[in-house]
C-alpha atoms as a PDB file:
ATOM      1  CA  MET A   1     -14.031 -10.706 -32.137  1.00  0.00           C
ATOM      2  CA  ALA A   2     -15.927 -11.238 -35.509  1.00  0.00           C
ATOM      3  CA  SER A   3     -12.762 -13.122 -36.903  1.00  0.00           C
ATOM      4  CA  VAL A   4     -13.181 -15.951 -34.481  1.00  0.00           C
ATOM      5  CA  PRO A   5     -16.225 -18.358 -33.951  1.00  0.00           C
ATOM      6  CA  ALA A   6     -18.508 -17.320 -31.048  1.00  0.00           C
ATOM      7  CA  PRO A   7     -17.632 -20.278 -28.614  1.00  0.00           C
ATOM      8  CA  LEU A   8     -13.929 -19.263 -28.933  1.00  0.00           C
ATOM      9  CA  ALA A   9     -14.765 -15.756 -28.415  1.00  0.00           C
ATOM     10  CA  ARG A  10     -16.634 -16.513 -25.173  1.00  0.00           C
ATOM     11  CA  VAL A  11     -13.505 -18.250 -23.920  1.00  0.00           C
ATOM     12  CA  ILE A  12     -11.287 -15.456 -24.913  1.00  0.00           C
ATOM     13  CA  GLN A  13     -13.484 -12.997 -23.065  1.00  0.00           C
ATOM     14  CA  GLU A  14     -13.307 -14.913 -19.852  1.00  0.00           C
ATOM     15  CA  LEU A  15      -9.627 -15.466 -19.927  1.00  0.00           C
ATOM     16  CA  VAL A  16      -8.737 -11.648 -20.333  1.00  0.00           C
ATOM     17  CA  LYS A  17     -10.493 -11.315 -17.083  1.00  0.00           C
ATOM     18  CA  LEU A  18      -7.377 -13.101 -15.604  1.00  0.00           C
ATOM     19  CA  PRO A  19      -4.581 -11.020 -14.216  1.00  0.00           C
ATOM     20  CA  GLY A  20      -1.728 -11.020 -16.701  1.00  0.00           C
ATOM     21  CA  ILE A  21      -3.696 -12.270 -19.636  1.00  0.00           C
ATOM     22  CA  GLY A  22      -4.207 -10.081 -22.476  1.00  0.00           C
ATOM     23  CA  GLU A  23      -6.332 -10.535 -25.385  1.00  0.00           C
ATOM     24  CA  LYS A  24      -3.311 -12.022 -27.530  1.00  0.00           C
ATOM     25  CA  THR A  25      -2.401 -14.551 -24.857  1.00  0.00           C
ATOM     26  CA  ALA A  26      -6.254 -15.423 -24.378  1.00  0.00           C
ATOM     27  CA  THR A  27      -6.613 -15.953 -27.855  1.00  0.00           C
ATOM     28  CA  ARG A  28      -3.413 -18.266 -28.054  1.00  0.00           C
ATOM     29  CA  LEU A  29      -4.812 -20.242 -25.133  1.00  0.00           C
ATOM     30  CA  ALA A  30      -8.295 -20.440 -26.498  1.00  0.00           C
ATOM     31  CA  PHE A  31      -6.988 -21.843 -29.719  1.00  0.00           C
ATOM     32  CA  HIS A  32      -4.872 -24.498 -27.806  1.00  0.00           C
ATOM     33  CA  LEU A  33      -7.777 -25.486 -25.810  1.00  0.00           C
ATOM     34  CA  SER A  34      -9.815 -25.954 -29.040  1.00  0.00           C
ATOM     35  CA  ARG A  35      -7.310 -28.361 -30.063  1.00  0.00           C
ATOM     36  CA  ALA A  36      -6.595 -30.222 -26.846  1.00  0.00           C
ATOM     37  CA  GLU A  37      -7.740 -33.641 -26.044  1.00  0.00           C
ATOM     38  CA  ARG A  38     -11.451 -33.604 -24.661  1.00  0.00           C
ATOM     39  CA  ARG A  39     -10.072 -35.163 -21.403  1.00  0.00           C
ATOM     40  CA  ASP A  40      -7.553 -32.503 -20.668  1.00  0.00           C
ATOM     41  CA  VAL A  41     -10.271 -29.752 -21.397  1.00  0.00           C
ATOM     42  CA  ASP A  42     -12.748 -31.657 -19.109  1.00  0.00           C
ATOM     43  CA  ALA A  43     -10.025 -32.046 -16.349  1.00  0.00           C
ATOM     44  CA  LEU A  44      -9.484 -28.269 -16.435  1.00  0.00           C
ATOM     45  CA  ALA A  45     -13.165 -27.605 -16.473  1.00  0.00           C
ATOM     46  CA  GLY A  46     -13.699 -29.793 -13.441  1.00  0.00           C
ATOM     47  CA  ALA A  47     -10.818 -28.291 -11.625  1.00  0.00           C
ATOM     48  CA  LEU A  48     -12.133 -24.669 -12.020  1.00  0.00           C
ATOM     49  CA  SER A  49     -15.739 -25.740 -11.248  1.00  0.00           C
ATOM     50  CA  VAL A  50     -14.784 -27.190  -7.772  1.00  0.00           C
ATOM     51  CA  LEU A  51     -12.174 -24.673  -7.077  1.00  0.00           C
ATOM     52  CA  ARG A  52     -14.533 -22.213  -5.142  1.00  0.00           C
ATOM     53  CA  ASP A  53     -16.450 -24.866  -3.346  1.00  0.00           C
ATOM     54  CA  GLU A  54     -13.219 -26.827  -1.985  1.00  0.00           C
ATOM     55  CA  LEU A  55     -10.778 -23.920  -1.223  1.00  0.00           C
ATOM     56  CA  ARG A  56     -10.911 -22.586   2.176  1.00  0.00           C
ATOM     57  CA  THR A  57      -9.022 -20.340   4.469  1.00  0.00           C
ATOM     58  CA  CYS A  58      -6.901 -21.929   7.100  1.00  0.00           C
ATOM     59  CA  SER A  59      -8.097 -20.856  10.580  1.00  0.00           C
ATOM     60  CA  LEU A  60      -4.541 -20.663  11.903  1.00  0.00           C
ATOM     61  CA  CYS A  61      -2.415 -18.956   9.062  1.00  0.00           C
ATOM     62  CA  CYS A  62      -5.282 -17.658   7.231  1.00  0.00           C
ATOM     63  CA  ALA A  63      -3.864 -18.992   3.832  1.00  0.00           C
ATOM     64  CA  LEU A  64      -5.932 -20.453   0.989  1.00  0.00           C
ATOM     65  CA  ALA A  65      -6.151 -24.297   1.769  1.00  0.00           C
ATOM     66  CA  GLY A  66      -7.670 -27.589   0.865  1.00  0.00           C
ATOM     67  CA  SER A  67      -8.033 -28.424   4.657  1.00  0.00           C
ATOM     68  CA  ASP A  68      -8.309 -26.652   7.859  1.00  0.00           C
ATOM     69  CA  PRO A  69      -5.658 -26.480   9.450  1.00  0.00           C
ATOM     70  CA  CYS A  70      -3.713 -26.460   6.363  1.00  0.00           C
ATOM     71  CA  GLU A  71      -0.728 -28.881   5.474  1.00  0.00           C
ATOM     72  CA  LEU A  72       2.030 -26.538   6.598  1.00  0.00           C
ATOM     73  CA  CYS A  73       0.132 -25.589   9.878  1.00  0.00           C
ATOM     74  CA  GLY A  74      -0.175 -29.266  10.634  1.00  0.00           C
ATOM     75  CA  ASP A  75       3.300 -30.108   9.626  1.00  0.00           C
ATOM     76  CA  ALA A  76       5.060 -31.136  13.176  1.00  0.00           C
ATOM     77  CA  GLN A  77       8.426 -30.904  11.363  1.00  0.00           C
ATOM     78  CA  ARG A  78       8.135 -27.169  11.071  1.00  0.00           C
ATOM     79  CA  SER A  79       9.482 -24.752  13.436  1.00  0.00           C
ATOM     80  CA  GLY A  80       6.621 -23.136  15.541  1.00  0.00           C
ATOM     81  CA  ASP A  81       8.958 -20.399  16.892  1.00  0.00           C
ATOM     82  CA  VAL A  82       9.474 -18.527  13.805  1.00  0.00           C
ATOM     83  CA  LEU A  83       6.592 -16.918  11.805  1.00  0.00           C
ATOM     84  CA  CYS A  84       6.952 -15.307   8.091  1.00  0.00           C
ATOM     85  CA  VAL A  85       4.087 -12.905   7.497  1.00  0.00           C
ATOM     86  CA  VAL A  86       3.274 -12.465   3.879  1.00  0.00           C
ATOM     87  CA  GLU A  87       0.635 -10.318   1.948  1.00  0.00           C
ATOM     88  CA  GLU A  88      -1.217 -13.119   0.220  1.00  0.00           C
ATOM     89  CA  SER A  89      -1.187 -17.069  -0.405  1.00  0.00           C
ATOM     90  CA  ALA A  90       0.644 -16.654  -3.573  1.00  0.00           C
ATOM     91  CA  ASP A  91       3.522 -15.053  -1.799  1.00  0.00           C
ATOM     92  CA  LEU A  92       3.379 -17.880   0.864  1.00  0.00           C
ATOM     93  CA  ALA A  93       3.772 -20.466  -2.093  1.00  0.00           C
ATOM     94  CA  ALA A  94       6.884 -18.353  -3.708  1.00  0.00           C
ATOM     95  CA  VAL A  95       8.611 -18.603  -0.169  1.00  0.00           C
ATOM     96  CA  GLU A  96       7.894 -22.139   0.055  1.00  0.00           C
ATOM     97  CA  ARG A  97       9.310 -22.695  -3.271  1.00  0.00           C
ATOM     98  CA  SER A  98      12.641 -21.199  -2.311  1.00  0.00           C
ATOM     99  CA  GLY A  99      13.275 -24.219  -0.036  1.00  0.00           C
ATOM    100  CA  THR A 100      15.112 -21.808   2.705  1.00  0.00           C
ATOM    101  CA  PHE A 101      12.242 -21.365   5.363  1.00  0.00           C
ATOM    102  CA  ARG A 102      11.198 -24.035   7.601  1.00  0.00           C
ATOM    103  CA  GLY A 103       8.833 -22.171  10.088  1.00  0.00           C
ATOM    104  CA  ARG A 104       5.261 -21.027   9.910  1.00  0.00           C
ATOM    105  CA  TYR A 105       3.324 -18.520   8.110  1.00  0.00           C
ATOM    106  CA  HIS A 106       0.646 -15.877   8.486  1.00  0.00           C
ATOM    107  CA  VAL A 107      -1.234 -14.410   5.586  1.00  0.00           C
ATOM    108  CA  LEU A 108      -2.521 -10.949   6.029  1.00  0.00           C
ATOM    109  CA  GLY A 109      -4.805 -10.876   2.945  1.00  0.00           C
ATOM    110  CA  GLY A 110      -3.240  -7.633   1.429  1.00  0.00           C
ATOM    111  CA  THR A 111      -1.658  -4.459   2.777  1.00  0.00           C
ATOM    112  CA  LEU A 112      -2.624  -1.128   4.269  1.00  0.00           C
ATOM    113  CA  ALA A 113      -3.871   1.175   1.488  1.00  0.00           C
ATOM    114  CA  PRO A 114      -5.732   4.078   3.118  1.00  0.00           C
ATOM    115  CA  LEU A 115      -6.463   5.600  -0.476  1.00  0.00           C
ATOM    116  CA  ASP A 116      -8.303   2.618  -1.255  1.00  0.00           C
ATOM    117  CA  GLY A 117     -10.186   2.321   2.049  1.00  0.00           C
ATOM    118  CA  ILE A 118      -8.181  -0.670   3.300  1.00  0.00           C
ATOM    119  CA  GLY A 119      -7.210  -0.226   6.908  1.00  0.00           C
ATOM    120  CA  PRO A 120      -5.960  -2.668   9.793  1.00  0.00           C
ATOM    121  CA  ASP A 121      -9.533  -3.962  10.370  1.00  0.00           C
ATOM    122  CA  ASP A 122      -9.645  -5.266   6.611  1.00  0.00           C
ATOM    123  CA  LEU A 123      -6.558  -7.385   7.048  1.00  0.00           C
ATOM    124  CA  GLN A 124      -5.801 -10.451   9.087  1.00  0.00           C
ATOM    125  CA  ILE A 125      -3.857  -8.527  11.721  1.00  0.00           C
ATOM    126  CA  ALA A 126      -6.020  -9.323  14.862  1.00  0.00           C
ATOM    127  CA  PRO A 127      -5.499 -13.068  14.351  1.00  0.00           C
ATOM    128  CA  LEU A 128      -1.746 -12.483  13.693  1.00  0.00           C
ATOM    129  CA  LEU A 129      -1.457 -10.641  17.192  1.00  0.00           C
ATOM    130  CA  ARG A 130      -3.634 -13.549  18.866  1.00  0.00           C
ATOM    131  CA  ARG A 131      -1.173 -16.044  17.701  1.00  0.00           C
ATOM    132  CA  LEU A 132       1.787 -14.005  18.933  1.00  0.00           C
ATOM    133  CA  ALA A 133       0.164 -13.372  22.347  1.00  0.00           C
ATOM    134  CA  ASP A 134       0.890 -17.091  23.696  1.00  0.00           C
ATOM    135  CA  GLY A 135       4.674 -16.383  23.623  1.00  0.00           C
ATOM    136  CA  SER A 136       5.626 -19.346  21.606  1.00  0.00           C
ATOM    137  CA  VAL A 137       6.929 -17.280  18.623  1.00  0.00           C
ATOM    138  CA  ARG A 138      10.392 -15.748  19.192  1.00  0.00           C
ATOM    139  CA  GLU A 139      10.787 -14.117  15.649  1.00  0.00           C
ATOM    140  CA  THR A 140       8.350 -12.530  13.210  1.00  0.00           C
ATOM    141  CA  ILE A 141       9.887 -12.032   9.578  1.00  0.00           C
ATOM    142  CA  ILE A 142       7.801  -9.529   7.767  1.00  0.00           C
ATOM    143  CA  ALA A 143       7.923 -10.559   4.134  1.00  0.00           C
ATOM    144  CA  THR A 144       5.568  -7.991   2.472  1.00  0.00           C
ATOM    145  CA  ASN A 145       6.321  -6.487  -1.060  1.00  0.00           C
ATOM    146  CA  PRO A 146       8.902  -3.751  -1.226  1.00  0.00           C
ATOM    147  CA  THR A 147       6.284  -1.243  -2.379  1.00  0.00           C
ATOM    148  CA  THR A 148       4.897   1.734  -0.729  1.00  0.00           C
ATOM    149  CA  GLU A 149       1.919  -0.165   0.655  1.00  0.00           C
ATOM    150  CA  GLY A 150       4.202  -3.213   1.612  1.00  0.00           C
ATOM    151  CA  GLU A 151       6.533  -1.076   3.528  1.00  0.00           C
ATOM    152  CA  ALA A 152       3.927   0.998   5.253  1.00  0.00           C
ATOM    153  CA  THR A 153       2.296  -2.419   6.512  1.00  0.00           C
ATOM    154  CA  ALA A 154       5.749  -3.629   7.642  1.00  0.00           C
ATOM    155  CA  LEU A 155       6.173  -0.699   9.640  1.00  0.00           C
ATOM    156  CA  TYR A 156       2.744  -0.829  11.290  1.00  0.00           C
ATOM    157  CA  LEU A 157       3.102  -4.335  12.179  1.00  0.00           C
ATOM    158  CA  ALA A 158       6.411  -3.900  13.808  1.00  0.00           C
ATOM    159  CA  ARG A 159       5.125  -1.227  15.989  1.00  0.00           C
ATOM    160  CA  LEU A 160       2.476  -3.549  17.127  1.00  0.00           C
ATOM    161  CA  ILE A 161       4.707  -6.826  17.550  1.00  0.00           C
ATOM    162  CA  LYS A 162       7.867  -5.175  19.409  1.00  0.00           C
ATOM    163  CA  PRO A 163       5.977  -4.497  22.654  1.00  0.00           C
ATOM    164  CA  LEU A 164       4.918  -8.094  22.669  1.00  0.00           C
ATOM    165  CA  GLY A 165       8.624  -9.053  23.008  1.00  0.00           C
ATOM    166  CA  VAL A 166       8.855 -10.988  19.569  1.00  0.00           C
ATOM    167  CA  ARG A 167      12.021 -10.091  17.577  1.00  0.00           C
ATOM    168  CA  VAL A 168      10.806  -8.403  14.442  1.00  0.00           C
ATOM    169  CA  THR A 169      12.882  -8.943  11.104  1.00  0.00           C
ATOM    170  CA  ARG A 170      12.380  -7.718   7.455  1.00  0.00           C
ATOM    171  CA  ILE A 171      13.431  -9.661   4.582  1.00  0.00           C
ATOM    172  CA  ALA A 172      16.270  -8.088   2.786  1.00  0.00           C
ATOM    173  CA  HIS A 173      15.900  -5.928  -0.057  1.00  0.00           C
ATOM    174  CA  GLY A 174      17.280  -8.625  -2.748  1.00  0.00           C
ATOM    175  CA  LEU A 175      13.959  -7.954  -4.242  1.00  0.00           C
ATOM    176  CA  PRO A 176      13.422  -4.792  -6.557  1.00  0.00           C
ATOM    177  CA  MET A 177      11.641  -2.023  -5.407  1.00  0.00           C
ATOM    178  CA  GLY A 178       8.113  -2.159  -6.821  1.00  0.00           C
ATOM    179  CA  GLY A 179       8.387  -5.914  -7.370  1.00  0.00           C
ATOM    180  CA  ASP A 180       6.190  -8.782  -5.981  1.00  0.00           C
ATOM    181  CA  VAL A 181       7.348 -11.589  -3.659  1.00  0.00           C
ATOM    182  CA  GLU A 182       5.344 -14.026  -5.867  1.00  0.00           C
ATOM    183  CA  TYR A 183       7.317 -13.236  -9.076  1.00  0.00           C
ATOM    184  CA  ALA A 184      10.924 -13.297  -7.635  1.00  0.00           C
ATOM    185  CA  ASP A 185      13.308 -15.864  -8.735  1.00  0.00           C
ATOM    186  CA  LEU A 186      14.070 -18.497  -6.046  1.00  0.00           C
ATOM    187  CA  ALA A 187      17.722 -17.421  -5.465  1.00  0.00           C
ATOM    188  CA  THR A 188      16.785 -13.886  -4.850  1.00  0.00           C
ATOM    189  CA  LEU A 189      13.924 -14.792  -2.572  1.00  0.00           C
ATOM    190  CA  GLY A 190      16.097 -17.461  -0.710  1.00  0.00           C
ATOM    191  CA  LYS A 191      18.927 -14.555  -0.442  1.00  0.00           C
ATOM    192  CA  ALA A 192      16.113 -12.121   0.729  1.00  0.00           C
ATOM    193  CA  LEU A 193      15.171 -14.490   3.671  1.00  0.00           C
ATOM    194  CA  GLU A 194      18.557 -15.352   4.753  1.00  0.00           C
ATOM    195  CA  GLY A 195      19.577 -11.415   4.687  1.00  0.00           C
ATOM    196  CA  ARG A 196      16.568 -10.203   6.666  1.00  0.00           C
ATOM    197  CA  ARG A 197      17.257  -7.437   9.204  1.00  0.00           C
ATOM    198  CA  GLU A 198      15.940  -5.973  12.313  1.00  0.00           C
ATOM    199  CA  MET A 199      13.205  -3.299  12.236  1.00  0.00           C
END
């Protein structure tokens, strides 16, 4: 990075650590920030510096939140008898943006990946089963990504949940195989939720 000043090079080095940001994009962002108003740069720096301090995990749904319980779990207008299970908080946000689901959520924190050493105890499966034990949930929609790990996790969860007398559905495969819920367009995600099927 000899062609850019050291302060810009440091910003570029940090930005390339973010997912989906290559050196070209990081360079463009760094130059943009160097020309931005001081207050905008300070606002971004301030938001990033408090991110880890103010972000917490909701004790009910296990999603990243600014409060506990989170805003969605505290919303009395949402249906408590349908639970949508997603891999990550970003997936929850994507489903919410579709505007088609008005139930509650549960975030697993990943998928089963035995080759990477991720088993059931590494995910938020036990809290999910505790939530289902009281009998108030009549349907669980499994909205894991249509990847090998997502499918394996969905099958594993279905085997655990069905004996509890809870209906288990899977979002329809309107999403491409190998795709992520987080990056799906809103219409596709909405149709996938509407076209869910029994497992």
